Amino acid sequence: MPGVEPGIILVALSGALMLVTAFGLRTRASATIGIALLALAGAGFAWGVMLLLPEPSTGEWIAAVALLAILTPGHARIVLGRFGPSARGAPIRAFAPPGEKR
């Protein structure tokens, strides 16, 4: 695709991987694979955003990629629930009634 920046492609592909993993594979694949795919998607998303910035520093690159690689699986775990086949059939945590413990 001529004229499309690599950063935009990387952000779009990483976002798609996040969605597929979080909603489709989170309870079907093993927890290790789900976490690894979400970490990869988070790092790819950050990398793509850094490619779109005019002149990010080395510290910004390192912080963005490392933090999103850690925070993306953590966010999916907090909002959606456990990883792995043992979580299959469990409701999504974000849809639970207030005060209900899981």
PDB file of N, CA and C in Angstrom:
ATOM      1  N   MET A   1       0.844  -1.176   0.000  1.00  0.00           N
ATOM      2  CA  MET A   1       0.000   0.000   0.000  1.00  0.00           C
ATOM      3  C   MET A   1       0.891   1.242   0.000  1.00  0.00           C
ATOM      4  N   PRO A   2       1.020   1.887  -1.136  1.00  0.00           N
ATOM      5  CA  PRO A   2       1.869   3.073  -1.197  1.00  0.00           C
ATOM      6  C   PRO A   2       1.261   4.226  -0.398  1.00  0.00           C
ATOM      7  N   GLY A   3       2.122   4.936   0.282  1.00  0.00           N
ATOM      8  CA  GLY A   3       1.685   6.117   1.017  1.00  0.00           C
ATOM      9  C   GLY A   3       1.235   5.856   2.439  1.00  0.00           C
ATOM     10  N   VAL A   4       1.129   4.606   2.851  1.00  0.00           N
ATOM     11  CA  VAL A   4       0.716   4.308   4.219  1.00  0.00           C
ATOM     12  C   VAL A   4       1.967   4.142   5.067  1.00  0.00           C
ATOM     13  N   GLU A   5       2.005   4.864   6.154  1.00  0.00           N
ATOM     14  CA  GLU A   5       3.177   4.821   7.022  1.00  0.00           C
ATOM     15  C   GLU A   5       3.261   3.477   7.746  1.00  0.00           C
ATOM     16  N   PRO A   6       4.478   2.969   7.946  1.00  0.00           N
ATOM     17  CA  PRO A   6       4.641   1.689   8.653  1.00  0.00           C
ATOM     18  C   PRO A   6       4.084   1.733  10.076  1.00  0.00           C
ATOM     19  N   GLY A   7       4.161   2.884  10.720  1.00  0.00           N
ATOM     20  CA  GLY A   7       3.634   3.006  12.080  1.00  0.00           C
ATOM     21  C   GLY A   7       2.135   2.764  12.137  1.00  0.00           C
ATOM     22  N   ILE A   8       1.407   3.257  11.139  1.00  0.00           N
ATOM     23  CA  ILE A   8      -0.040   3.073  11.105  1.00  0.00           C
ATOM     24  C   ILE A   8      -0.372   1.600  10.892  1.00  0.00           C
ATOM     25  N   ILE A   9       0.362   0.944  10.009  1.00  0.00           N
ATOM     26  CA  ILE A   9       0.134  -0.485   9.767  1.00  0.00           C
ATOM     27  C   ILE A   9       0.417  -1.290  11.031  1.00  0.00           C
ATOM     28  N   LEU A  10       1.510  -0.968  11.716  1.00  0.00           N
ATOM     29  CA  LEU A  10       1.873  -1.694  12.932  1.00  0.00           C
ATOM     30  C   LEU A  10       0.850  -1.480  14.042  1.00  0.00           C
ATOM     31  N   VAL A  11       0.355  -0.267  14.188  1.00  0.00           N
ATOM     32  CA  VAL A  11      -0.673   0.011  15.198  1.00  0.00           C
ATOM     33  C   VAL A  11      -1.951  -0.765  14.873  1.00  0.00           C
ATOM     34  N   ALA A  12      -2.351  -0.771  13.609  1.00  0.00           N
ATOM     35  CA  ALA A  12      -3.575  -1.475  13.220  1.00  0.00           C
ATOM     36  C   ALA A  12      -3.441  -2.988  13.417  1.00  0.00           C
ATOM     37  N   LEU A  13      -2.318  -3.564  13.002  1.00  0.00           N
ATOM     38  CA  LEU A  13      -2.119  -5.006  13.168  1.00  0.00           C
ATOM     39  C   LEU A  13      -2.026  -5.398  14.646  1.00  0.00           C
ATOM     40  N   SER A  14      -1.354  -4.578  15.424  1.00  0.00           N
ATOM     41  CA  SER A  14      -1.240  -4.860  16.861  1.00  0.00           C
ATOM     42  C   SER A  14      -2.592  -4.748  17.551  1.00  0.00           C
ATOM     43  N   GLY A  15      -3.371  -3.746  17.170  1.00  0.00           N
ATOM     44  CA  GLY A  15      -4.716  -3.602  17.729  1.00  0.00           C
ATOM     45  C   GLY A  15      -5.597  -4.786  17.383  1.00  0.00           C
ATOM     46  N   ALA A  16      -5.481  -5.271  16.142  1.00  0.00           N
ATOM     47  CA  ALA A  16      -6.252  -6.449  15.737  1.00  0.00           C
ATOM     48  C   ALA A  16      -5.820  -7.677  16.529  1.00  0.00           C
ATOM     49  N   LEU A  17      -4.511  -7.850  16.730  1.00  0.00           N
ATOM     50  CA  LEU A  17      -4.025  -8.977  17.531  1.00  0.00           C
ATOM     51  C   LEU A  17      -4.520  -8.878  18.969  1.00  0.00           C
ATOM     52  N   MET A  18      -4.565  -7.677  19.518  1.00  0.00           N
ATOM     53  CA  MET A  18      -5.087  -7.489  20.875  1.00  0.00           C
ATOM     54  C   MET A  18      -6.543  -7.952  20.960  1.00  0.00           C
ATOM     55  N   LEU A  19      -7.357  -7.502  20.007  1.00  0.00           N
ATOM     56  CA  LEU A  19      -8.775  -7.858  20.032  1.00  0.00           C
ATOM     57  C   LEU A  19      -8.998  -9.361  19.864  1.00  0.00           C
ATOM     58  N   VAL A  20      -8.309  -9.951  18.910  1.00  0.00           N
ATOM     59  CA  VAL A  20      -8.469 -11.388  18.664  1.00  0.00           C
ATOM     60  C   VAL A  20      -8.020 -12.192  19.877  1.00  0.00           C
ATOM     61  N   THR A  21      -6.912 -11.795  20.469  1.00  0.00           N
ATOM     62  CA  THR A  21      -6.398 -12.532  21.624  1.00  0.00           C
ATOM     63  C   THR A  21      -7.283 -12.328  22.852  1.00  0.00           C
ATOM     64  N   ALA A  22      -7.639 -11.092  23.146  1.00  0.00           N
ATOM     65  CA  ALA A  22      -8.406 -10.808  24.359  1.00  0.00           C
ATOM     66  C   ALA A  22      -9.806 -11.415  24.316  1.00  0.00           C
ATOM     67  N   PHE A  23     -10.459 -11.326  23.169  1.00  0.00           N
ATOM     68  CA  PHE A  23     -11.840 -11.796  23.111  1.00  0.00           C
ATOM     69  C   PHE A  23     -11.990 -13.195  22.511  1.00  0.00           C
ATOM     70  N   GLY A  24     -11.052 -13.626  21.688  1.00  0.00           N
ATOM     71  CA  GLY A  24     -11.191 -14.917  21.051  1.00  0.00           C
ATOM     72  C   GLY A  24     -10.317 -16.006  21.630  1.00  0.00           C
ATOM     73  N   LEU A  25      -9.068 -15.685  21.919  1.00  0.00           N
ATOM     74  CA  LEU A  25      -8.109 -16.709  22.339  1.00  0.00           C
ATOM     75  C   LEU A  25      -7.855 -16.754  23.839  1.00  0.00           C
ATOM     76  N   ARG A  26      -8.303 -15.757  24.579  1.00  0.00           N
ATOM     77  CA  ARG A  26      -7.984 -15.670  26.000  1.00  0.00           C
ATOM     78  C   ARG A  26      -8.387 -16.915  26.772  1.00  0.00           C
ATOM     79  N   THR A  27      -9.544 -17.487  26.456  1.00  0.00           N
ATOM     80  CA  THR A  27      -9.997 -18.682  27.173  1.00  0.00           C
ATOM     81  C   THR A  27      -9.802 -19.963  26.369  1.00  0.00           C
ATOM     82  N   ARG A  28      -9.338 -19.859  25.134  1.00  0.00           N
ATOM     83  CA  ARG A  28      -9.152 -21.048  24.299  1.00  0.00           C
ATOM     84  C   ARG A  28      -7.701 -21.535  24.294  1.00  0.00           C
ATOM     85  N   ALA A  29      -6.768 -20.602  24.283  1.00  0.00           N
ATOM     86  CA  ALA A  29      -5.342 -20.953  24.292  1.00  0.00           C
ATOM     87  C   ALA A  29      -4.863 -21.049  25.737  1.00  0.00           C
ATOM     88  N   SER A  30      -3.673 -21.591  25.911  1.00  0.00           N
ATOM     89  CA  SER A  30      -3.127 -21.652  27.270  1.00  0.00           C
ATOM     90  C   SER A  30      -2.849 -20.236  27.779  1.00  0.00           C
ATOM     91  N   ALA A  31      -2.791 -20.098  29.075  1.00  0.00           N
ATOM     92  CA  ALA A  31      -2.562 -18.780  29.678  1.00  0.00           C
ATOM     93  C   ALA A  31      -1.231 -18.192  29.217  1.00  0.00           C
ATOM     94  N   THR A  32      -0.219 -19.018  29.092  1.00  0.00           N
ATOM     95  CA  THR A  32       1.104 -18.549  28.664  1.00  0.00           C
ATOM     96  C   THR A  32       1.048 -17.964  27.256  1.00  0.00           C
ATOM     97  N   ILE A  33       0.366 -18.652  26.359  1.00  0.00           N
ATOM     98  CA  ILE A  33       0.261 -18.152  24.982  1.00  0.00           C
ATOM     99  C   ILE A  33      -0.557 -16.874  24.937  1.00  0.00           C
ATOM    100  N   GLY A  34      -1.657 -16.813  25.669  1.00  0.00           N
ATOM    101  CA  GLY A  34      -2.489 -15.608  25.691  1.00  0.00           C
ATOM    102  C   GLY A  34      -1.735 -14.400  26.221  1.00  0.00           C
ATOM    103  N   ILE A  35      -1.009 -14.585  27.298  1.00  0.00           N
ATOM    104  CA  ILE A  35      -0.234 -13.481  27.874  1.00  0.00           C
ATOM    105  C   ILE A  35       0.875 -13.053  26.922  1.00  0.00           C
ATOM    106  N   ALA A  36       1.556 -14.029  26.312  1.00  0.00           N
ATOM    107  CA  ALA A  36       2.641 -13.702  25.376  1.00  0.00           C
ATOM    108  C   ALA A  36       2.127 -12.948  24.156  1.00  0.00           C
ATOM    109  N   LEU A  37       0.989 -13.364  23.610  1.00  0.00           N
ATOM    110  CA  LEU A  37       0.432 -12.668  22.448  1.00  0.00           C
ATOM    111  C   LEU A  37       0.001 -11.248  22.801  1.00  0.00           C
ATOM    112  N   LEU A  38      -0.588 -11.070  23.979  1.00  0.00           N
ATOM    113  CA  LEU A  38      -0.989  -9.716  24.379  1.00  0.00           C
ATOM    114  C   LEU A  38       0.227  -8.836  24.664  1.00  0.00           C
ATOM    115  N   ALA A  39       1.281  -9.411  25.228  1.00  0.00           N
ATOM    116  CA  ALA A  39       2.508  -8.638  25.455  1.00  0.00           C
ATOM    117  C   ALA A  39       3.130  -8.232  24.124  1.00  0.00           C
ATOM    118  N   LEU A  40       3.154  -9.147  23.172  1.00  0.00           N
ATOM    119  CA  LEU A  40       3.675  -8.843  21.837  1.00  0.00           C
ATOM    120  C   LEU A  40       2.836  -7.761  21.163  1.00  0.00           C
ATOM    121  N   ALA A  41       1.526  -7.867  21.271  1.00  0.00           N
ATOM    122  CA  ALA A  41       0.645  -6.865  20.671  1.00  0.00           C
ATOM    123  C   ALA A  41       0.831  -5.496  21.323  1.00  0.00           C
ATOM    124  N   GLY A  42       0.986  -5.467  22.637  1.00  0.00           N
ATOM    125  CA  GLY A  42       1.209  -4.197  23.329  1.00  0.00           C
ATOM    126  C   GLY A  42       2.526  -3.561  22.929  1.00  0.00           C
ATOM    127  N   ALA A  43       3.574  -4.370  22.838  1.00  0.00           N
ATOM    128  CA  ALA A  43       4.879  -3.849  22.416  1.00  0.00           C
ATOM    129  C   ALA A  43       4.818  -3.356  20.973  1.00  0.00           C
ATOM    130  N   GLY A  44       4.143  -4.100  20.100  1.00  0.00           N
ATOM    131  CA  GLY A  44       3.998  -3.684  18.711  1.00  0.00           C
ATOM    132  C   GLY A  44       3.206  -2.397  18.579  1.00  0.00           C
ATOM    133  N   PHE A  45       2.175  -2.257  19.379  1.00  0.00           N
ATOM    134  CA  PHE A  45       1.377  -1.029  19.368  1.00  0.00           C
ATOM    135  C   PHE A  45       2.239   0.169  19.760  1.00  0.00           C
ATOM    136  N   ALA A  46       2.999   0.014  20.837  1.00  0.00           N
ATOM    137  CA  ALA A  46       3.880   1.104  21.283  1.00  0.00           C
ATOM    138  C   ALA A  46       4.933   1.415  20.229  1.00  0.00           C
ATOM    139  N   TRP A  47       5.493   0.396  19.612  1.00  0.00           N
ATOM    140  CA  TRP A  47       6.505   0.592  18.576  1.00  0.00           C
ATOM    141  C   TRP A  47       5.910   1.393  17.414  1.00  0.00           C
ATOM    142  N   GLY A  48       4.701   1.032  17.009  1.00  0.00           N
ATOM    143  CA  GLY A  48       4.036   1.742  15.923  1.00  0.00           C
ATOM    144  C   GLY A  48       3.777   3.199  16.265  1.00  0.00           C
ATOM    145  N   VAL A  49       3.360   3.455  17.483  1.00  0.00           N
ATOM    146  CA  VAL A  49       3.119   4.842  17.900  1.00  0.00           C
ATOM    147  C   VAL A  49       4.426   5.627  17.908  1.00  0.00           C
ATOM    148  N   MET A  50       5.495   4.998  18.372  1.00  0.00           N
ATOM    149  CA  MET A  50       6.796   5.681  18.380  1.00  0.00           C
ATOM    150  C   MET A  50       7.265   6.002  16.961  1.00  0.00           C
ATOM    151  N   LEU A  51       6.939   5.144  15.995  1.00  0.00           N
ATOM    152  CA  LEU A  51       7.294   5.430  14.604  1.00  0.00           C
ATOM    153  C   LEU A  51       6.537   6.643  14.067  1.00  0.00           C
ATOM    154  N   LEU A  52       5.385   6.922  14.628  1.00  0.00           N
ATOM    155  CA  LEU A  52       4.573   8.049  14.163  1.00  0.00           C
ATOM    156  C   LEU A  52       4.978   9.377  14.792  1.00  0.00           C
ATOM    157  N   LEU A  53       5.688   9.338  15.916  1.00  0.00           N
ATOM    158  CA  LEU A  53       6.136  10.573  16.562  1.00  0.00           C
ATOM    159  C   LEU A  53       7.315  11.176  15.808  1.00  0.00           C
ATOM    160  N   PRO A  54       7.443  12.507  15.814  1.00  0.00           N
ATOM    161  CA  PRO A  54       8.514  13.143  15.039  1.00  0.00           C
ATOM    162  C   PRO A  54       9.928  12.761  15.474  1.00  0.00           C
ATOM    163  N   GLU A  55      10.244  12.879  16.738  1.00  0.00           N
ATOM    164  CA  GLU A  55      11.599  12.558  17.212  1.00  0.00           C
ATOM    165  C   GLU A  55      11.554  12.057  18.648  1.00  0.00           C
ATOM    166  N   PRO A  56      11.073  10.835  18.880  1.00  0.00           N
ATOM    167  CA  PRO A  56      11.050  10.331  20.254  1.00  0.00           C
ATOM    168  C   PRO A  56      12.465   9.986  20.727  1.00  0.00           C
ATOM    169  N   SER A  57      12.678  10.194  22.010  1.00  0.00           N
ATOM    170  CA  SER A  57      13.990   9.873  22.572  1.00  0.00           C
ATOM    171  C   SER A  57      14.103   8.369  22.801  1.00  0.00           C
ATOM    172  N   THR A  58      15.324   7.929  23.062  1.00  0.00           N
ATOM    173  CA  THR A  58      15.567   6.513  23.328  1.00  0.00           C
ATOM    174  C   THR A  58      14.816   6.068  24.582  1.00  0.00           C
ATOM    175  N   GLY A  59      14.780   6.921  25.577  1.00  0.00           N
ATOM    176  CA  GLY A  59      14.050   6.605  26.808  1.00  0.00           C
ATOM    177  C   GLY A  59      12.561   6.438  26.564  1.00  0.00           C
ATOM    178  N   GLU A  60      12.001   7.260  25.704  1.00  0.00           N
ATOM    179  CA  GLU A  60      10.583   7.133  25.369  1.00  0.00           C
ATOM    180  C   GLU A  60      10.303   5.806  24.663  1.00  0.00           C
ATOM    181  N   TRP A  61      11.196   5.421  23.745  1.00  0.00           N
ATOM    182  CA  TRP A  61      11.040   4.143  23.047  1.00  0.00           C
ATOM    183  C   TRP A  61      11.036   2.989  24.050  1.00  0.00           C
ATOM    184  N   ILE A  62      12.035   2.971  24.918  1.00  0.00           N
ATOM    185  CA  ILE A  62      12.179   1.880  25.882  1.00  0.00           C
ATOM    186  C   ILE A  62      10.998   1.836  26.841  1.00  0.00           C
ATOM    187  N   ALA A  63      10.623   2.995  27.375  1.00  0.00           N
ATOM    188  CA  ALA A  63       9.525   3.045  28.341  1.00  0.00           C
ATOM    189  C   ALA A  63       8.202   2.637  27.698  1.00  0.00           C
ATOM    190  N   ALA A  64       7.916   3.159  26.527  1.00  0.00           N
ATOM    191  CA  ALA A  64       6.633   2.858  25.877  1.00  0.00           C
ATOM    192  C   ALA A  64       6.512   1.379  25.546  1.00  0.00           C
ATOM    193  N   VAL A  65       7.526   0.827  24.928  1.00  0.00           N
ATOM    194  CA  VAL A  65       7.459  -0.583  24.516  1.00  0.00           C
ATOM    195  C   VAL A  65       7.410  -1.495  25.742  1.00  0.00           C
ATOM    196  N   ALA A  66       8.257  -1.239  26.732  1.00  0.00           N
ATOM    197  CA  ALA A  66       8.284  -2.091  27.925  1.00  0.00           C
ATOM    198  C   ALA A  66       6.980  -1.988  28.721  1.00  0.00           C
ATOM    199  N   LEU A  67       6.502  -0.772  28.911  1.00  0.00           N
ATOM    200  CA  LEU A  67       5.286  -0.604  29.713  1.00  0.00           C
ATOM    201  C   LEU A  67       4.061  -1.208  29.040  1.00  0.00           C
ATOM    202  N   LEU A  68       3.903  -1.009  27.746  1.00  0.00           N
ATOM    203  CA  LEU A  68       2.735  -1.593  27.086  1.00  0.00           C
ATOM    204  C   LEU A  68       2.835  -3.110  26.977  1.00  0.00           C
ATOM    205  N   ALA A  69       4.049  -3.638  26.908  1.00  0.00           N
ATOM    206  CA  ALA A  69       4.200  -5.096  26.906  1.00  0.00           C
ATOM    207  C   ALA A  69       3.747  -5.688  28.241  1.00  0.00           C
ATOM    208  N   ILE A  70       3.886  -4.936  29.314  1.00  0.00           N
ATOM    209  CA  ILE A  70       3.472  -5.389  30.642  1.00  0.00           C
ATOM    210  C   ILE A  70       2.011  -5.039  30.921  1.00  0.00           C
ATOM    211  N   LEU A  71       1.613  -3.826  30.571  1.00  0.00           N
ATOM    212  CA  LEU A  71       0.283  -3.351  30.930  1.00  0.00           C
ATOM    213  C   LEU A  71      -0.842  -3.943  30.088  1.00  0.00           C
ATOM    214  N   THR A  72      -0.581  -4.307  28.851  1.00  0.00           N
ATOM    215  CA  THR A  72      -1.650  -4.840  27.998  1.00  0.00           C
ATOM    216  C   THR A  72      -2.210  -6.160  28.535  1.00  0.00           C
ATOM    217  N   PRO A  73      -1.378  -7.163  28.849  1.00  0.00           N
ATOM    218  CA  PRO A  73      -1.952  -8.386  29.432  1.00  0.00           C
ATOM    219  C   PRO A  73      -2.587  -8.138  30.803  1.00  0.00           C
ATOM    220  N   GLY A  74      -1.993  -7.241  31.577  1.00  0.00           N
ATOM    221  CA  GLY A  74      -2.556  -6.912  32.884  1.00  0.00           C
ATOM    222  C   GLY A  74      -3.937  -6.285  32.764  1.00  0.00           C
ATOM    223  N   HIS A  75      -4.098  -5.403  31.814  1.00  0.00           N
ATOM    224  CA  HIS A  75      -5.388  -4.753  31.590  1.00  0.00           C
ATOM    225  C   HIS A  75      -6.438  -5.783  31.171  1.00  0.00           C
ATOM    226  N   ALA A  76      -6.073  -6.674  30.257  1.00  0.00           N
ATOM    227  CA  ALA A  76      -7.016  -7.706  29.819  1.00  0.00           C
ATOM    228  C   ALA A  76      -7.410  -8.600  30.989  1.00  0.00           C
ATOM    229  N   ARG A  77      -6.476  -8.926  31.852  1.00  0.00           N
ATOM    230  CA  ARG A  77      -6.763  -9.774  33.011  1.00  0.00           C
ATOM    231  C   ARG A  77      -7.707  -9.095  33.984  1.00  0.00           C
ATOM    232  N   ILE A  78      -7.469  -7.810  34.240  1.00  0.00           N
ATOM    233  CA  ILE A  78      -8.299  -7.073  35.192  1.00  0.00           C
ATOM    234  C   ILE A  78      -9.709  -6.878  34.653  1.00  0.00           C
ATOM    235  N   VAL A  79      -9.824  -6.492  33.391  1.00  0.00           N
ATOM    236  CA  VAL A  79     -11.132  -6.167  32.826  1.00  0.00           C
ATOM    237  C   VAL A  79     -11.914  -7.409  32.417  1.00  0.00           C
ATOM    238  N   LEU A  80     -11.249  -8.368  31.783  1.00  0.00           N
ATOM    239  CA  LEU A  80     -11.967  -9.501  31.205  1.00  0.00           C
ATOM    240  C   LEU A  80     -11.970 -10.746  32.080  1.00  0.00           C
ATOM    241  N   GLY A  81     -10.943 -10.956  32.872  1.00  0.00           N
ATOM    242  CA  GLY A  81     -10.903 -12.138  33.736  1.00  0.00           C
ATOM    243  C   GLY A  81      -9.688 -13.008  33.446  1.00  0.00           C
ATOM    244  N   ARG A  82      -9.729 -14.223  33.995  1.00  0.00           N
ATOM    245  CA  ARG A  82      -8.595 -15.136  33.918  1.00  0.00           C
ATOM    246  C   ARG A  82      -8.261 -15.536  32.485  1.00  0.00           C
ATOM    247  N   PHE A  83      -7.025 -15.999  32.308  1.00  0.00           N
ATOM    248  CA  PHE A  83      -6.561 -16.546  31.038  1.00  0.00           C
ATOM    249  C   PHE A  83      -6.651 -18.062  31.099  1.00  0.00           C
ATOM    250  N   GLY A  84      -6.671 -18.683  29.939  1.00  0.00           N
ATOM    251  CA  GLY A  84      -6.583 -20.130  29.843  1.00  0.00           C
ATOM    252  C   GLY A  84      -7.929 -20.818  29.806  1.00  0.00           C
ATOM    253  N   PRO A  85      -7.915 -22.107  29.463  1.00  0.00           N
ATOM    254  CA  PRO A  85      -9.153 -22.877  29.353  1.00  0.00           C
ATOM    255  C   PRO A  85      -9.951 -22.962  30.655  1.00  0.00           C
ATOM    256  N   SER A  86      -9.301 -22.824  31.791  1.00  0.00           N
ATOM    257  CA  SER A  86     -10.035 -22.883  33.067  1.00  0.00           C
ATOM    258  C   SER A  86     -11.000 -21.708  33.225  1.00  0.00           C
ATOM    259  N   ALA A  87     -10.801 -20.645  32.442  1.00  0.00           N
ATOM    260  CA  ALA A  87     -11.678 -19.476  32.523  1.00  0.00           C
ATOM    261  C   ALA A  87     -12.863 -19.575  31.566  1.00  0.00           C
ATOM    262  N   ARG A  88     -12.897 -20.619  30.736  1.00  0.00           N
ATOM    263  CA  ARG A  88     -13.983 -20.764  29.760  1.00  0.00           C
ATOM    264  C   ARG A  88     -15.311 -20.897  30.486  1.00  0.00           C
ATOM    265  N   GLY A  89     -16.283 -20.122  30.056  1.00  0.00           N
ATOM    266  CA  GLY A  89     -17.608 -20.147  30.667  1.00  0.00           C
ATOM    267  C   GLY A  89     -17.775 -19.146  31.787  1.00  0.00           C
ATOM    268  N   ALA A  90     -16.677 -18.604  32.302  1.00  0.00           N
ATOM    269  CA  ALA A  90     -16.773 -17.597  33.356  1.00  0.00           C
ATOM    270  C   ALA A  90     -17.204 -16.271  32.724  1.00  0.00           C
ATOM    271  N   PRO A  91     -18.058 -15.517  33.398  1.00  0.00           N
ATOM    272  CA  PRO A  91     -18.493 -14.235  32.831  1.00  0.00           C
ATOM    273  C   PRO A  91     -17.344 -13.231  32.786  1.00  0.00           C
ATOM    274  N   ILE A  92     -17.470 -12.271  31.900  1.00  0.00           N
ATOM    275  CA  ILE A  92     -16.482 -11.195  31.810  1.00  0.00           C
ATOM    276  C   ILE A  92     -16.598 -10.325  33.052  1.00  0.00           C
ATOM    277  N   ARG A  93     -15.485 -10.062  33.691  1.00  0.00           N
ATOM    278  CA  ARG A  93     -15.482  -9.331  34.958  1.00  0.00           C
ATOM    279  C   ARG A  93     -16.087  -7.949  34.847  1.00  0.00           C
ATOM    280  N   ALA A  94     -15.878  -7.283  33.728  1.00  0.00           N
ATOM    281  CA  ALA A  94     -16.381  -5.914  33.570  1.00  0.00           C
ATOM    282  C   ALA A  94     -17.903  -5.870  33.565  1.00  0.00           C
ATOM    283  N   PHE A  95     -18.562  -7.000  33.278  1.00  0.00           N
ATOM    284  CA  PHE A  95     -20.019  -7.040  33.233  1.00  0.00           C
ATOM    285  C   PHE A  95     -20.640  -7.519  34.537  1.00  0.00           C
ATOM    286  N   ALA A  96     -19.825  -7.813  35.534  1.00  0.00           N
ATOM    287  CA  ALA A  96     -20.342  -8.298  36.816  1.00  0.00           C
ATOM    288  C   ALA A  96     -21.064  -7.189  37.557  1.00  0.00           C
ATOM    289  N   PRO A  97     -22.103  -7.541  38.301  1.00  0.00           N
ATOM    290  CA  PRO A  97     -22.796  -6.532  39.104  1.00  0.00           C
ATOM    291  C   PRO A  97     -21.871  -5.933  40.161  1.00  0.00           C
ATOM    292  N   PRO A  98     -22.066  -4.677  40.525  1.00  0.00           N
ATOM    293  CA  PRO A  98     -21.202  -4.045  41.534  1.00  0.00           C
ATOM    294  C   PRO A  98     -21.252  -4.810  42.851  1.00  0.00           C
ATOM    295  N   GLY A  99     -20.105  -4.982  43.448  1.00  0.00           N
ATOM    296  CA  GLY A  99     -19.993  -5.636  44.737  1.00  0.00           C
ATOM    297  C   GLY A  99     -19.845  -7.144  44.653  1.00  0.00           C
ATOM    298  N   GLU A 100     -20.036  -7.726  43.492  1.00  0.00           N
ATOM    299  CA  GLU A 100     -19.881  -9.180  43.353  1.00  0.00           C
ATOM    300  C   GLU A 100     -18.413  -9.518  43.284  1.00  0.00           C
ATOM    301  N   LYS A 101     -17.971 -10.457  44.103  1.00  0.00           N
ATOM    302  CA  LYS A 101     -16.569 -10.833  44.130  1.00  0.00           C
ATOM    303  C   LYS A 101     -16.306 -11.980  43.183  1.00  0.00           C
ATOM    304  N   ARG A 102     -15.125 -11.964  42.567  1.00  0.00           N
ATOM    305  CA  ARG A 102     -14.715 -13.044  41.667  1.00  0.00           C
ATOM    306  C   ARG A 102     -13.307 -13.425  42.017  1.00  0.00           C
TER     307      ARG A 102
END
